[in-house]
Amino acid sequence: VSTQSTGMKLLVFSAILISIYAETWMPVKRGQGNTVDFNPESQVFEFRIAPKGNSQPRDLDFNLVVRFLDSKNNLLALSSMLFQQKGETVLKDFLRLGTRDGKRMVYCYDRRILNEKLPSFLQQDVMDPSVFLINTSKTPNFANNKVCKLWHDVVASGKIAYAQFAFWDNGRNALRQLDMEFRMLTTETATTTQQPITLAATTEGGQLDNLELASEMPPASEGDVCSVYPGGVVDNVHKESEHYDMNCYHVLAASFGTNPWFIYGAYDDFDDKKSCRALSVYVGGRGFEISRGWMINMDGHKELYQEGDVHELPDVGCTAQLKNLYLSVDCRPGGYPFVLHYDGYMLAHIEVFSKSPDNFGLCFENSRGKRINWQLHKQDRPDRDCTIQPDITDCAAQVPQCAEFENACDASLARACNELYCEGKEPTPEQICSLSQARRKKCQLTGGQVNAEPTGCPDDMCLRKFFILGVGCPQDPFFTGCPIENYLA
């Protein structure tokens, strides 16, 4: 069969030998498709992609996903192709396989095989060790990648019963620029003579070996970083790991000098874990609060802003920006030497760019015998005495699931992970995702190498955004690249 249609000049299919049960080509649509019966021993997926007309695609940002489920519709594994551009410059172009391992997803990647080229044809055969066939001649390194062992074990187990297709168009323009089709078929051989679509290279020198692309890695902070983790764990500006009960309102970082400023933390037990639910900031005699759900409260009113935009907070000299799942408040424009990063859920990082004897709070010290200078009053019982440090001990058990945090750029991460698992209480995937993202953020701030993908996080980050929005006070969505109709239908 040879096919060539208008506007799809790069697609020339020849000698595609399929069985009589082959499905017809279907147009790719945004969002999550239906769950269908799937037999990995006899069925494969095929995708074909081509630019509309003669224009070069720009600003693409999409994730093409196939999820594989067991007979009870539990997610076992997934495969995906991620492609992202800024203008015509490629930022991401990789294939990955994900396998559920308990509460987390374990991924293996091939970041070189696409070589900044959008493939015009993909065949996906989960029984093949390489999984993907790209333009009929190239295969990724999944067959020899030891990290992919979990994937191959799941496929060999025979538990896959269903498949579910999803297409997340985060740039909201892929289907305006590309013709994209897919089908699931029973086949013995399938060959094509197609040419890949060449796009601009990311950087001089080609791809990077590191898991993080250079374009995503901000420079390390020039200040000292304090991290406030779940379970009462604090990594202070001296890189010392501390543990507190977090039962009261806490002064996390402050200065009572000539230009005073204060950051207070409020805690609660959310999903059974001690978490930071809000941070109050006082500068120049004015105050505002950022709270769970990335809400900004100023004088009793919600500040309206859009993800990615730098939003000026009125009359305080601070700016706020929601980016990469952190709401960052920078008060340096107003003369206050700190930047606050809150994940909108349970933890925060504080960059301090100037230290002095006027500083106090958990991020600086707790050595005065009493904690009257850094803890205020009990949140639900004002009569509770918060001036004396109660006895508190670390969780005794060392949890195997926390091993991934032990060699991170912050020793407090593994300690916080152990607290999440304390007394045999399993953390939720969302909590592990939050801690995993904190590892990434802390390593970026301190100039360490980010050597692992987030654990426990959904494949589609829009799901994470709407989850966090849903656990805070009611707000209209303000996200970029996450169409509300795909998530709140």
Foldseek 3Di string as FASTA:
>chain_A
DWDDDAQARQFTFDDFFADPFWDDKDFDDAFWFDKDWDDLVFKKKKKFKGWGDDDQDFFFWKKKKKFFAFPVRHTAKMKIFTWGHHGLATFFTWIKIWGDDDLKIQIDIFRPQCQQWDFRMWMARLQDQQRIQTLNPDGGPSNPDPSCVSSNVVSVVRRGTIMMIHMFGLSPCRVVTMGMIMTMGGGDDGHGNGDIGHTDANDPPGDDPAPHGPVPFDAAALFFKWKQFKQQWIQASVLDIDGAPQQFWWFAKWFPPPFTKTKIFHWDQDPNIIFTFKIWIDGPNAIWMQGFLRWIAGPNDTDDDFAPDWADDPPHQWTWHHDPQWIKIGNVSVPAAKIKTDNNHGMIMMGGHDDDPRMDTNNPDDPPQWRVVTGPAGPVDRVDDRGHGDDDDQQPDQDPVLPVVCPFPRNSLSSSVSSCCHPNDHHHLLSQQVSQVVSVVVCSNRVHRNRGDRISADPDCLVVSVVRNVVDDPDDDRYRSNDCVNPVD
